Amino acid sequence: MTDTPARLLHLLSLLQTPREWPGGELAGRLGVSRRTVRRDIDRLRELGYPVQAARGAEGGYRLVAGKAMPPLVLDDEEAVAIAVGLRAGAGHAVDGVDEASVRALAKLEQVLPSRLRHRVASLQAATMPLAGPWRGDGATVDPHTLTTLASAVTGEERLRFGYVSGDGTATKRLVEPYRLVSTGRRWYLVAYDVERGDWRTFRVDRVADPLATGARFAPRELPEANAAEFVRTSMNRLQPVLDIDVTFEAPADFVTARLPGSLGAPEPLGAGRCRLRASCTDSLEWVALRLALVDCEFTVHEPPSMTAYLHELGERLTRATARRRDE
């Protein structure tokens, strides 16, 4: 490999794997001499990458956690955001994403300076993933707000902040933060509202100017098994329940593998058929699309509104393909 920039990128990619690389092995991978490897290692160090060399005949190399981010790569907020996103991906059962997230996260955390590793760890320790196909409305969360809440959770410190409810009412809150819950599209803070004397769920994108008061508190007992269940219960109280009853012309294991876990598992009926009876708080449109994506024949018994929607959707798709043929 004679192209120096390309070789340096390849070398950096190898070093970002959390292991020690003998100089001879690196030379073989890159197709260069050990002397060239040593020269390239020196170039990476000049660029700010903390490459550590082990003493001995082989002269092993590894990339260690640095005192500063390598230049022209990521600023602090970007590094924290990516690390948190990768941890979330690693913790959710998304085909092909969880393992890749773990590998990428391992590479990133190798070069995160200690101050950023502390912020990421605080956010992760204060966060519990909530599985399920929750859909947000595009609202964004300020990273500073998120890390401030996370630090207060881990430090068991009371918080003051402004909050805007769904109907637009603005209030001031004093809370004892318990846990942050990530739904994939939104963040929620589960906390005990001191002035209202009750547990509350707060959408983090509606939180403004959070301030840790410095007053410590002893965590109270949550009225649910965990924070994720508390958020789920709160959401269910606010959303209508959709009861569905569907028969699939396919084996239960085939259907289960193609439906989100939140809908549950269908009951085998024999002869390559199964039936799903479930209750959920997802939209009718979303559930209808998930049923269609199972890729087999199916019959909707309940609710009638689902049958009507699928009929309308089918006609719309037919019209779309007809227009394409006429062009």
C-alpha atoms as a PDB file:
ATOM      1  CA  MET A   1       0.000   0.000   0.000  1.00  0.00           C
ATOM      2  CA  THR A   2       1.947   3.023  -1.316  1.00  0.00           C
ATOM      3  CA  ASP A   3      -0.734   5.719  -0.827  1.00  0.00           C
ATOM      4  CA  THR A   4       0.312   7.268   2.499  1.00  0.00           C
ATOM      5  CA  PRO A   5      -3.071   8.885   3.456  1.00  0.00           C
ATOM      6  CA  ALA A   6      -4.967   5.682   2.664  1.00  0.00           C
ATOM      7  CA  ARG A   7      -2.390   3.631   4.573  1.00  0.00           C
ATOM      8  CA  LEU A   8      -2.684   5.903   7.614  1.00  0.00           C
ATOM      9  CA  LEU A   9      -6.482   5.536   7.608  1.00  0.00           C
ATOM     10  CA  HIS A  10      -6.152   1.746   7.332  1.00  0.00           C
ATOM     11  CA  LEU A  11      -3.617   1.728  10.178  1.00  0.00           C
ATOM     12  CA  LEU A  12      -5.887   3.886  12.332  1.00  0.00           C
ATOM     13  CA  SER A  13      -8.831   1.572  11.658  1.00  0.00           C
ATOM     14  CA  LEU A  14      -6.784  -1.414  12.820  1.00  0.00           C
ATOM     15  CA  LEU A  15      -5.552   0.372  15.944  1.00  0.00           C
ATOM     16  CA  GLN A  16      -9.090   1.367  16.921  1.00  0.00           C
ATOM     17  CA  THR A  17      -9.851  -2.308  17.522  1.00  0.00           C
ATOM     18  CA  PRO A  18      -9.347  -2.745  21.312  1.00  0.00           C
ATOM     19  CA  ARG A  19      -6.277  -5.006  21.223  1.00  0.00           C
ATOM     20  CA  GLU A  20      -2.493  -4.777  20.959  1.00  0.00           C
ATOM     21  CA  TRP A  21      -1.042  -5.162  17.466  1.00  0.00           C
ATOM     22  CA  PRO A  22       2.483  -6.586  17.007  1.00  0.00           C
ATOM     23  CA  GLY A  23       4.535  -4.487  14.608  1.00  0.00           C
ATOM     24  CA  GLY A  24       5.088  -7.446  12.315  1.00  0.00           C
ATOM     25  CA  GLU A  25       1.369  -8.137  12.027  1.00  0.00           C
ATOM     26  CA  LEU A  26       0.624  -4.489  11.211  1.00  0.00           C
ATOM     27  CA  ALA A  27       3.367  -4.537   8.567  1.00  0.00           C
ATOM     28  CA  GLY A  28       1.841  -7.651   7.026  1.00  0.00           C
ATOM     29  CA  ARG A  29      -1.669  -6.187   7.006  1.00  0.00           C
ATOM     30  CA  LEU A  30      -0.479  -2.969   5.377  1.00  0.00           C
ATOM     31  CA  GLY A  31       2.041  -4.572   3.017  1.00  0.00           C
ATOM     32  CA  VAL A  32       4.912  -2.403   4.199  1.00  0.00           C
ATOM     33  CA  SER A  33       8.072  -2.772   6.293  1.00  0.00           C
ATOM     34  CA  ARG A  34       8.177  -2.494  10.091  1.00  0.00           C
ATOM     35  CA  ARG A  35      10.184   0.697   9.665  1.00  0.00           C
ATOM     36  CA  THR A  36       7.343   2.210   7.642  1.00  0.00           C
ATOM     37  CA  VAL A  37       4.889   1.149  10.354  1.00  0.00           C
ATOM     38  CA  ARG A  38       6.988   2.956  12.990  1.00  0.00           C
ATOM     39  CA  ARG A  39       7.106   6.057  10.788  1.00  0.00           C
ATOM     40  CA  ASP A  40       3.312   5.945  10.274  1.00  0.00           C
ATOM     41  CA  ILE A  41       2.757   5.536  14.021  1.00  0.00           C
ATOM     42  CA  ASP A  42       4.795   8.693  14.573  1.00  0.00           C
ATOM     43  CA  ARG A  43       2.604  10.525  12.033  1.00  0.00           C
ATOM     44  CA  LEU A  44      -0.571   9.479  13.879  1.00  0.00           C
ATOM     45  CA  ARG A  45       0.910  10.747  17.147  1.00  0.00           C
ATOM     46  CA  GLU A  46       1.698  14.084  15.500  1.00  0.00           C
ATOM     47  CA  LEU A  47      -1.989  14.267  14.507  1.00  0.00           C
ATOM     48  CA  GLY A  48      -3.012  13.770  18.132  1.00  0.00           C
ATOM     49  CA  TYR A  49      -3.852  10.067  18.218  1.00  0.00           C
ATOM     50  CA  PRO A  50      -2.502   8.525  21.467  1.00  0.00           C
ATOM     51  CA  VAL A  51      -0.747   5.396  20.172  1.00  0.00           C
ATOM     52  CA  GLN A  52       1.117   3.485  22.863  1.00  0.00           C
ATOM     53  CA  ALA A  53       4.065   1.223  22.029  1.00  0.00           C
ATOM     54  CA  ALA A  54       4.958  -1.839  24.093  1.00  0.00           C
ATOM     55  CA  ARG A  55       8.603  -2.718  24.681  1.00  0.00           C
ATOM     56  CA  GLY A  56       9.993  -5.924  23.214  1.00  0.00           C
ATOM     57  CA  ALA A  57      11.083  -7.523  19.981  1.00  0.00           C
ATOM     58  CA  GLU A  58       7.632  -7.347  18.398  1.00  0.00           C
ATOM     59  CA  GLY A  59       7.012  -3.738  19.385  1.00  0.00           C
ATOM     60  CA  GLY A  60       3.255  -4.022  19.910  1.00  0.00           C
ATOM     61  CA  TYR A  61       1.006  -0.971  19.423  1.00  0.00           C
ATOM     62  CA  ARG A  62      -2.424  -0.005  20.698  1.00  0.00           C
ATOM     63  CA  LEU A  63      -4.608   3.083  20.752  1.00  0.00           C
ATOM     64  CA  VAL A  64      -5.263   4.275  24.314  1.00  0.00           C
ATOM     65  CA  ALA A  65      -7.773   6.710  25.801  1.00  0.00           C
ATOM     66  CA  GLY A  66      -6.457  10.175  25.041  1.00  0.00           C
ATOM     67  CA  LYS A  67      -6.147  13.389  26.995  1.00  0.00           C
ATOM     68  CA  ALA A  68      -7.822  15.252  24.149  1.00  0.00           C
ATOM     69  CA  MET A  69      -9.919  14.413  21.127  1.00  0.00           C
ATOM     70  CA  PRO A  70      -7.889  13.924  17.925  1.00  0.00           C
ATOM     71  CA  PRO A  71      -7.942  17.141  15.881  1.00  0.00           C
ATOM     72  CA  LEU A  72     -10.612  17.789  13.247  1.00  0.00           C
ATOM     73  CA  VAL A  73     -12.702  14.757  14.162  1.00  0.00           C
ATOM     74  CA  LEU A  74     -15.457  15.536  16.691  1.00  0.00           C
ATOM     75  CA  ASP A  75     -16.178  18.311  19.130  1.00  0.00           C
ATOM     76  CA  ASP A  76     -17.204  17.433  22.686  1.00  0.00           C
ATOM     77  CA  GLU A  77     -20.973  17.589  22.129  1.00  0.00           C
ATOM     78  CA  GLU A  78     -20.749  15.501  18.952  1.00  0.00           C
ATOM     79  CA  ALA A  79     -18.621  12.871  20.691  1.00  0.00           C
ATOM     80  CA  VAL A  80     -21.068  12.573  23.596  1.00  0.00           C
ATOM     81  CA  ALA A  81     -24.063  12.456  21.255  1.00  0.00           C
ATOM     82  CA  ILE A  82     -22.526   9.702  19.127  1.00  0.00           C
ATOM     83  CA  ALA A  83     -21.450   7.661  22.150  1.00  0.00           C
ATOM     84  CA  VAL A  84     -24.917   7.862  23.701  1.00  0.00           C
ATOM     85  CA  GLY A  85     -26.571   6.986  20.393  1.00  0.00           C
ATOM     86  CA  LEU A  86     -24.288   3.993  19.929  1.00  0.00           C
ATOM     87  CA  ARG A  87     -25.002   2.774  23.448  1.00  0.00           C
ATOM     88  CA  ALA A  88     -28.707   3.052  22.774  1.00  0.00           C
ATOM     89  CA  GLY A  89     -28.294   1.101  19.528  1.00  0.00           C
ATOM     90  CA  ALA A  90     -26.274  -1.557  21.320  1.00  0.00           C
ATOM     91  CA  GLY A  91     -29.008  -1.950  23.918  1.00  0.00           C
ATOM     92  CA  HIS A  92     -31.939  -2.360  21.528  1.00  0.00           C
ATOM     93  CA  ALA A  93     -32.713  -5.557  19.635  1.00  0.00           C
ATOM     94  CA  VAL A  94     -32.488  -4.151  16.112  1.00  0.00           C
ATOM     95  CA  ASP A  95     -31.230  -6.676  13.547  1.00  0.00           C
ATOM     96  CA  GLY A  96     -27.712  -5.844  12.399  1.00  0.00           C
ATOM     97  CA  VAL A  97     -27.460  -2.685  14.505  1.00  0.00           C
ATOM     98  CA  ASP A  98     -26.726  -3.828  18.050  1.00  0.00           C
ATOM     99  CA  GLU A  99     -23.474  -5.660  17.262  1.00  0.00           C
ATOM    100  CA  ALA A 100     -22.249  -2.907  14.931  1.00  0.00           C
ATOM    101  CA  SER A 101     -23.027  -0.334  17.618  1.00  0.00           C
ATOM    102  CA  VAL A 102     -20.944  -2.239  20.149  1.00  0.00           C
ATOM    103  CA  ARG A 103     -17.955  -2.369  17.798  1.00  0.00           C
ATOM    104  CA  ALA A 104     -18.216   1.308  16.887  1.00  0.00           C
ATOM    105  CA  LEU A 105     -18.674   2.309  20.518  1.00  0.00           C
ATOM    106  CA  ALA A 106     -15.568   0.367  21.537  1.00  0.00           C
ATOM    107  CA  LYS A 107     -13.553   2.292  18.954  1.00  0.00           C
ATOM    108  CA  LEU A 108     -14.960   5.667  19.980  1.00  0.00           C
ATOM    109  CA  GLU A 109     -14.471   5.182  23.702  1.00  0.00           C
ATOM    110  CA  GLN A 110     -10.840   4.249  23.110  1.00  0.00           C
ATOM    111  CA  VAL A 111     -10.123   7.874  22.230  1.00  0.00           C
ATOM    112  CA  LEU A 112     -12.616   9.717  24.421  1.00  0.00           C
ATOM    113  CA  PRO A 113     -10.867  11.920  27.006  1.00  0.00           C
ATOM    114  CA  SER A 114     -11.771  11.221  30.629  1.00  0.00           C
ATOM    115  CA  ARG A 115     -14.049  14.262  30.992  1.00  0.00           C
ATOM    116  CA  LEU A 116     -16.234  13.035  28.120  1.00  0.00           C
ATOM    117  CA  ARG A 117     -16.205   9.420  29.268  1.00  0.00           C
ATOM    118  CA  HIS A 118     -17.584  10.676  32.588  1.00  0.00           C
ATOM    119  CA  ARG A 119     -20.438  12.531  30.856  1.00  0.00           C
ATOM    120  CA  VAL A 120     -21.314   9.505  28.720  1.00  0.00           C
ATOM    121  CA  ALA A 121     -21.163   7.188  31.740  1.00  0.00           C
ATOM    122  CA  SER A 122     -23.409   9.506  33.780  1.00  0.00           C
ATOM    123  CA  LEU A 123     -25.970   9.632  31.013  1.00  0.00           C
ATOM    124  CA  GLN A 124     -25.870   5.871  30.513  1.00  0.00           C
ATOM    125  CA  ALA A 125     -26.142   5.105  34.248  1.00  0.00           C
ATOM    126  CA  ALA A 126     -29.188   7.361  34.537  1.00  0.00           C
ATOM    127  CA  THR A 127     -30.955   5.970  31.483  1.00  0.00           C
ATOM    128  CA  MET A 128     -33.188   2.922  31.018  1.00  0.00           C
ATOM    129  CA  PRO A 129     -34.279   1.875  27.509  1.00  0.00           C
ATOM    130  CA  LEU A 130     -37.984   1.347  26.885  1.00  0.00           C
ATOM    131  CA  ALA A 131     -38.588  -1.163  24.118  1.00  0.00           C
ATOM    132  CA  GLY A 132     -41.429  -0.583  21.703  1.00  0.00           C
ATOM    133  CA  PRO A 133     -42.342   1.240  18.494  1.00  0.00           C
ATOM    134  CA  TRP A 134     -42.955   4.648  20.080  1.00  0.00           C
ATOM    135  CA  ARG A 135     -43.074   7.488  17.618  1.00  0.00           C
ATOM    136  CA  GLY A 136     -42.098  11.031  18.363  1.00  0.00           C
ATOM    137  CA  ASP A 137     -43.159  14.258  16.713  1.00  0.00           C
ATOM    138  CA  GLY A 138     -39.742  15.514  15.694  1.00  0.00           C
ATOM    139  CA  ALA A 139     -39.084  17.393  18.964  1.00  0.00           C
ATOM    140  CA  THR A 140     -35.398  17.764  19.771  1.00  0.00           C
ATOM    141  CA  VAL A 141     -33.591  17.620  23.111  1.00  0.00           C
ATOM    142  CA  ASP A 142     -30.784  19.962  24.124  1.00  0.00           C
ATOM    143  CA  PRO A 143     -27.711  17.803  24.951  1.00  0.00           C
ATOM    144  CA  HIS A 144     -26.841  20.119  27.841  1.00  0.00           C
ATOM    145  CA  THR A 145     -30.324  19.635  29.311  1.00  0.00           C
ATOM    146  CA  LEU A 146     -29.984  15.876  28.967  1.00  0.00           C
ATOM    147  CA  THR A 147     -26.596  15.690  30.662  1.00  0.00           C
ATOM    148  CA  THR A 148     -27.708  18.067  33.430  1.00  0.00           C
ATOM    149  CA  LEU A 149     -30.666  15.822  34.218  1.00  0.00           C
ATOM    150  CA  ALA A 150     -28.475  12.716  34.065  1.00  0.00           C
ATOM    151  CA  SER A 151     -25.954  14.193  36.489  1.00  0.00           C
ATOM    152  CA  ALA A 152     -28.733  15.099  38.927  1.00  0.00           C
ATOM    153  CA  VAL A 153     -30.102  11.545  38.710  1.00  0.00           C
ATOM    154  CA  THR A 154     -26.753   9.922  39.437  1.00  0.00           C
ATOM    155  CA  GLY A 155     -25.896  12.511  42.118  1.00  0.00           C
ATOM    156  CA  GLU A 156     -29.348  12.245  43.784  1.00  0.00           C
ATOM    157  CA  GLU A 157     -29.697  16.024  43.688  1.00  0.00           C
ATOM    158  CA  ARG A 158     -32.937  18.018  43.518  1.00  0.00           C
ATOM    159  CA  LEU A 159     -33.676  19.892  40.294  1.00  0.00           C
ATOM    160  CA  ARG A 160     -35.525  23.064  39.372  1.00  0.00           C
ATOM    161  CA  PHE A 161     -36.675  23.662  35.813  1.00  0.00           C
ATOM    162  CA  GLY A 162     -39.350  25.230  33.673  1.00  0.00           C
ATOM    163  CA  TYR A 163     -41.843  22.902  32.016  1.00  0.00           C
ATOM    164  CA  VAL A 164     -44.431  23.327  29.264  1.00  0.00           C
ATOM    165  CA  SER A 165     -47.291  20.796  29.312  1.00  0.00           C
ATOM    166  CA  GLY A 166     -49.056  19.411  26.257  1.00  0.00           C
ATOM    167  CA  ASP A 167     -51.705  22.162  26.371  1.00  0.00           C
ATOM    168  CA  GLY A 168     -49.051  24.903  26.469  1.00  0.00           C
ATOM    169  CA  THR A 169     -49.243  25.678  30.203  1.00  0.00           C
ATOM    170  CA  ALA A 170     -45.871  26.840  31.560  1.00  0.00           C
ATOM    171  CA  THR A 171     -44.941  25.924  35.138  1.00  0.00           C
ATOM    172  CA  LYS A 172     -41.930  25.823  37.429  1.00  0.00           C
ATOM    173  CA  ARG A 173     -41.031  22.442  38.948  1.00  0.00           C
ATOM    174  CA  LEU A 174     -38.946  21.246  41.881  1.00  0.00           C
ATOM    175  CA  VAL A 175     -38.309  17.510  41.595  1.00  0.00           C
ATOM    176  CA  GLU A 176     -36.281  14.613  42.877  1.00  0.00           C
ATOM    177  CA  PRO A 177     -35.076  13.014  39.614  1.00  0.00           C
ATOM    178  CA  TYR A 178     -35.233   9.227  39.587  1.00  0.00           C
ATOM    179  CA  ARG A 179     -34.314   8.044  36.080  1.00  0.00           C
ATOM    180  CA  LEU A 180     -34.156   9.051  32.415  1.00  0.00           C
ATOM    181  CA  VAL A 181     -36.023   6.759  30.018  1.00  0.00           C
ATOM    182  CA  SER A 182     -35.217   6.567  26.311  1.00  0.00           C
ATOM    183  CA  THR A 183     -37.998   5.421  23.979  1.00  0.00           C
ATOM    184  CA  GLY A 184     -35.926   5.660  20.825  1.00  0.00           C
ATOM    185  CA  ARG A 185     -37.688   8.828  19.615  1.00  0.00           C
ATOM    186  CA  ARG A 186     -38.119  10.722  22.879  1.00  0.00           C
ATOM    187  CA  TRP A 187     -36.545  11.116  26.296  1.00  0.00           C
ATOM    188  CA  TYR A 188     -38.570  11.179  29.511  1.00  0.00           C
ATOM    189  CA  LEU A 189     -37.592  12.114  33.060  1.00  0.00           C
ATOM    190  CA  VAL A 190     -39.247  10.111  35.820  1.00  0.00           C
ATOM    191  CA  ALA A 191     -39.191  12.188  39.000  1.00  0.00           C
ATOM    192  CA  TYR A 192     -40.988  12.856  42.265  1.00  0.00           C
ATOM    193  CA  ASP A 193     -42.595  16.305  42.109  1.00  0.00           C
ATOM    194  CA  VAL A 194     -41.896  17.779  45.541  1.00  0.00           C
ATOM    195  CA  GLU A 195     -44.480  20.570  45.429  1.00  0.00           C
ATOM    196  CA  ARG A 196     -47.257  18.318  44.078  1.00  0.00           C
ATOM    197  CA  GLY A 197     -46.372  15.391  46.311  1.00  0.00           C
ATOM    198  CA  ASP A 198     -46.574  12.771  43.567  1.00  0.00           C
ATOM    199  CA  TRP A 199     -44.605  10.973  40.870  1.00  0.00           C
ATOM    200  CA  ARG A 200     -44.536  12.541  37.413  1.00  0.00           C
ATOM    201  CA  THR A 201     -43.244  11.836  33.894  1.00  0.00           C
ATOM    202  CA  PHE A 202     -41.707  14.824  32.057  1.00  0.00           C
ATOM    203  CA  ARG A 203     -40.873  15.007  28.367  1.00  0.00           C
ATOM    204  CA  VAL A 204     -37.281  16.231  28.276  1.00  0.00           C
ATOM    205  CA  ASP A 205     -37.834  18.294  25.121  1.00  0.00           C
ATOM    206  CA  ARG A 206     -40.304  20.386  27.160  1.00  0.00           C
ATOM    207  CA  VAL A 207     -37.849  20.993  30.010  1.00  0.00           C
ATOM    208  CA  ALA A 208     -36.179  24.427  30.090  1.00  0.00           C
ATOM    209  CA  ASP A 209     -33.245  25.803  32.093  1.00  0.00           C
ATOM    210  CA  PRO A 210     -32.659  22.839  34.433  1.00  0.00           C
ATOM    211  CA  LEU A 211     -30.686  23.771  37.548  1.00  0.00           C
ATOM    212  CA  ALA A 212     -29.284  21.394  40.140  1.00  0.00           C
ATOM    213  CA  THR A 213     -30.035  22.924  43.545  1.00  0.00           C
ATOM    214  CA  GLY A 214     -27.251  21.198  45.443  1.00  0.00           C
ATOM    215  CA  ALA A 215     -29.790  19.699  47.885  1.00  0.00           C
ATOM    216  CA  ARG A 216     -29.331  15.926  48.168  1.00  0.00           C
ATOM    217  CA  PHE A 217     -32.228  13.527  48.704  1.00  0.00           C
ATOM    218  CA  ALA A 218     -32.821   9.875  49.559  1.00  0.00           C
ATOM    219  CA  PRO A 219     -34.512   8.156  46.566  1.00  0.00           C
ATOM    220  CA  ARG A 220     -38.152   7.212  47.162  1.00  0.00           C
ATOM    221  CA  GLU A 221     -39.699   3.905  46.193  1.00  0.00           C
ATOM    222  CA  LEU A 222     -41.138   4.028  42.681  1.00  0.00           C
ATOM    223  CA  PRO A 223     -44.767   2.802  42.420  1.00  0.00           C
ATOM    224  CA  GLU A 224     -43.821   0.558  39.454  1.00  0.00           C
ATOM    225  CA  ALA A 225     -41.239  -2.191  38.941  1.00  0.00           C
ATOM    226  CA  ASN A 226     -38.911   0.228  37.157  1.00  0.00           C
ATOM    227  CA  ALA A 227     -38.851   3.605  35.424  1.00  0.00           C
ATOM    228  CA  ALA A 228     -39.582   2.150  31.968  1.00  0.00           C
ATOM    229  CA  GLU A 229     -42.765   0.510  33.263  1.00  0.00           C
ATOM    230  CA  PHE A 230     -43.774   3.779  34.932  1.00  0.00           C
ATOM    231  CA  VAL A 231     -43.441   5.642  31.612  1.00  0.00           C
ATOM    232  CA  ARG A 232     -45.292   2.883  29.775  1.00  0.00           C
ATOM    233  CA  THR A 233     -48.164   3.009  32.277  1.00  0.00           C
ATOM    234  CA  SER A 234     -48.305   6.800  32.025  1.00  0.00           C
ATOM    235  CA  MET A 235     -48.432   6.644  28.232  1.00  0.00           C
ATOM    236  CA  ASN A 236     -51.146   3.987  28.269  1.00  0.00           C
ATOM    237  CA  ARG A 237     -53.365   6.170  30.447  1.00  0.00           C
ATOM    238  CA  LEU A 238     -53.159   8.923  27.847  1.00  0.00           C
ATOM    239  CA  GLN A 239     -53.605   6.855  24.681  1.00  0.00           C
ATOM    240  CA  PRO A 240     -56.568   4.777  23.434  1.00  0.00           C
ATOM    241  CA  VAL A 241     -56.085   1.016  23.380  1.00  0.00           C
ATOM    242  CA  LEU A 242     -56.304  -0.795  20.037  1.00  0.00           C
ATOM    243  CA  ASP A 243     -57.549  -4.412  20.245  1.00  0.00           C
ATOM    244  CA  ILE A 244     -56.624  -6.517  17.225  1.00  0.00           C
ATOM    245  CA  ASP A 245     -57.526 -10.057  16.158  1.00  0.00           C
ATOM    246  CA  VAL A 246     -55.761 -11.366  13.029  1.00  0.00           C
ATOM    247  CA  THR A 247     -55.309 -14.797  11.430  1.00  0.00           C
ATOM    248  CA  PHE A 248     -52.143 -15.405   9.370  1.00  0.00           C
ATOM    249  CA  GLU A 249     -51.724 -18.077   6.715  1.00  0.00           C
ATOM    250  CA  ALA A 250     -48.216 -18.869   7.933  1.00  0.00           C
ATOM    251  CA  PRO A 251     -46.558 -20.677  10.881  1.00  0.00           C
ATOM    252  CA  ALA A 252     -46.382 -18.863  14.216  1.00  0.00           C
ATOM    253  CA  ASP A 253     -42.563 -18.689  14.260  1.00  0.00           C
ATOM    254  CA  PHE A 254     -42.555 -17.113  10.769  1.00  0.00           C
ATOM    255  CA  VAL A 255     -45.020 -14.418  11.860  1.00  0.00           C
ATOM    256  CA  THR A 256     -43.353 -13.815  15.238  1.00  0.00           C
ATOM    257  CA  ALA A 257     -40.013 -13.109  13.558  1.00  0.00           C
ATOM    258  CA  ARG A 258     -41.634 -10.403  11.409  1.00  0.00           C
ATOM    259  CA  LEU A 259     -43.760  -8.601  14.006  1.00  0.00           C
ATOM    260  CA  PRO A 260     -42.543  -6.199  16.715  1.00  0.00           C
ATOM    261  CA  GLY A 261     -42.296  -7.836  20.111  1.00  0.00           C
ATOM    262  CA  SER A 262     -44.693  -5.297  21.589  1.00  0.00           C
ATOM    263  CA  LEU A 263     -47.582  -7.021  19.768  1.00  0.00           C
ATOM    264  CA  GLY A 264     -46.858 -10.341  21.440  1.00  0.00           C
ATOM    265  CA  ALA A 265     -46.669 -13.825  19.906  1.00  0.00           C
ATOM    266  CA  PRO A 266     -49.429 -15.395  17.791  1.00  0.00           C
ATOM    267  CA  GLU A 267     -51.108 -18.667  18.762  1.00  0.00           C
ATOM    268  CA  PRO A 268     -50.405 -21.650  16.451  1.00  0.00           C
ATOM    269  CA  LEU A 269     -53.528 -23.056  14.769  1.00  0.00           C
ATOM    270  CA  GLY A 270     -51.917 -25.981  12.945  1.00  0.00           C
ATOM    271  CA  ALA A 271     -51.550 -26.553   9.203  1.00  0.00           C
ATOM    272  CA  GLY A 272     -49.234 -23.563   8.854  1.00  0.00           C
ATOM    273  CA  ARG A 273     -51.649 -21.014  10.335  1.00  0.00           C
ATOM    274  CA  CYS A 274     -51.694 -18.860  13.477  1.00  0.00           C
ATOM    275  CA  ARG A 275     -53.831 -16.224  15.173  1.00  0.00           C
ATOM    276  CA  LEU A 276     -52.783 -13.017  16.933  1.00  0.00           C
ATOM    277  CA  ARG A 277     -54.951 -11.411  19.596  1.00  0.00           C
ATOM    278  CA  ALA A 278     -53.296  -8.337  21.087  1.00  0.00           C
ATOM    279  CA  SER A 279     -53.926  -4.956  22.678  1.00  0.00           C
ATOM    280  CA  CYS A 280     -51.628  -1.984  22.091  1.00  0.00           C
ATOM    281  CA  THR A 281     -51.557   1.803  22.150  1.00  0.00           C
ATOM    282  CA  ASP A 282     -49.989   2.178  18.710  1.00  0.00           C
ATOM    283  CA  SER A 283     -51.818   3.909  15.881  1.00  0.00           C
ATOM    284  CA  LEU A 284     -54.102   1.867  13.649  1.00  0.00           C
ATOM    285  CA  GLU A 285     -52.115   2.962  10.592  1.00  0.00           C
ATOM    286  CA  TRP A 286     -48.797   1.793  12.048  1.00  0.00           C
ATOM    287  CA  VAL A 287     -50.179  -1.607  13.078  1.00  0.00           C
ATOM    288  CA  ALA A 288     -51.777  -2.080   9.643  1.00  0.00           C
ATOM    289  CA  LEU A 289     -48.453  -1.484   7.910  1.00  0.00           C
ATOM    290  CA  ARG A 290     -46.674  -3.925  10.245  1.00  0.00           C
ATOM    291  CA  LEU A 291     -49.267  -6.585   9.452  1.00  0.00           C
ATOM    292  CA  ALA A 292     -48.753  -6.033   5.723  1.00  0.00           C
ATOM    293  CA  LEU A 293     -44.980  -6.374   6.125  1.00  0.00           C
ATOM    294  CA  VAL A 294     -45.291  -9.916   7.517  1.00  0.00           C
ATOM    295  CA  ASP A 295     -45.308 -11.041   3.858  1.00  0.00           C
ATOM    296  CA  CYS A 296     -48.085 -13.637   3.979  1.00  0.00           C
ATOM    297  CA  GLU A 297     -51.859 -13.812   3.555  1.00  0.00           C
ATOM    298  CA  PHE A 298     -53.840 -12.672   6.598  1.00  0.00           C
ATOM    299  CA  THR A 299     -57.420 -11.914   7.682  1.00  0.00           C
ATOM    300  CA  VAL A 300     -58.382  -9.128  10.083  1.00  0.00           C
ATOM    301  CA  HIS A 301     -61.275 -10.067  12.373  1.00  0.00           C
ATOM    302  CA  GLU A 302     -61.065  -7.020  14.644  1.00  0.00           C
ATOM    303  CA  PRO A 303     -61.345  -4.078  14.657  1.00  0.00           C
ATOM    304  CA  PRO A 304     -63.597  -3.143  11.715  1.00  0.00           C
ATOM    305  CA  SER A 305     -61.694   0.134  11.351  1.00  0.00           C
ATOM    306  CA  MET A 306     -58.561  -1.863  10.556  1.00  0.00           C
ATOM    307  CA  THR A 307     -60.351  -3.712   7.765  1.00  0.00           C
ATOM    308  CA  ALA A 308     -61.599  -0.429   6.330  1.00  0.00           C
ATOM    309  CA  TYR A 309     -58.162   1.164   6.495  1.00  0.00           C
ATOM    310  CA  LEU A 310     -56.446  -1.797   4.792  1.00  0.00           C
ATOM    311  CA  HIS A 311     -59.092  -1.769   2.042  1.00  0.00           C
ATOM    312  CA  GLU A 312     -58.496   1.938   1.454  1.00  0.00           C
ATOM    313  CA  LEU A 313     -54.719   1.447   1.535  1.00  0.00           C
ATOM    314  CA  GLY A 314     -54.925  -1.395  -0.970  1.00  0.00           C
ATOM    315  CA  GLU A 315     -56.947   0.711  -3.401  1.00  0.00           C
ATOM    316  CA  ARG A 316     -54.499   3.594  -3.024  1.00  0.00           C
ATOM    317  CA  LEU A 317     -51.523   1.324  -3.779  1.00  0.00           C
ATOM    318  CA  THR A 318     -53.342  -0.145  -6.787  1.00  0.00           C
ATOM    319  CA  ARG A 319     -53.968   3.351  -8.161  1.00  0.00           C
ATOM    320  CA  ALA A 320     -50.303   4.216  -7.643  1.00  0.00           C
ATOM    321  CA  THR A 321     -49.122   1.252  -9.707  1.00  0.00           C
ATOM    322  CA  ALA A 322     -51.754   1.922 -12.392  1.00  0.00           C
ATOM    323  CA  ARG A 323     -50.466   5.475 -12.841  1.00  0.00           C
ATOM    324  CA  ARG A 324     -46.961   4.092 -13.246  1.00  0.00           C
ATOM    325  CA  ARG A 325     -48.100   1.755 -16.041  1.00  0.00           C
ATOM    326  CA  ASP A 326     -49.838   4.617 -17.860  1.00  0.00           C
ATOM    327  CA  GLU A 327     -46.700   6.776 -17.991  1.00  0.00           C
END
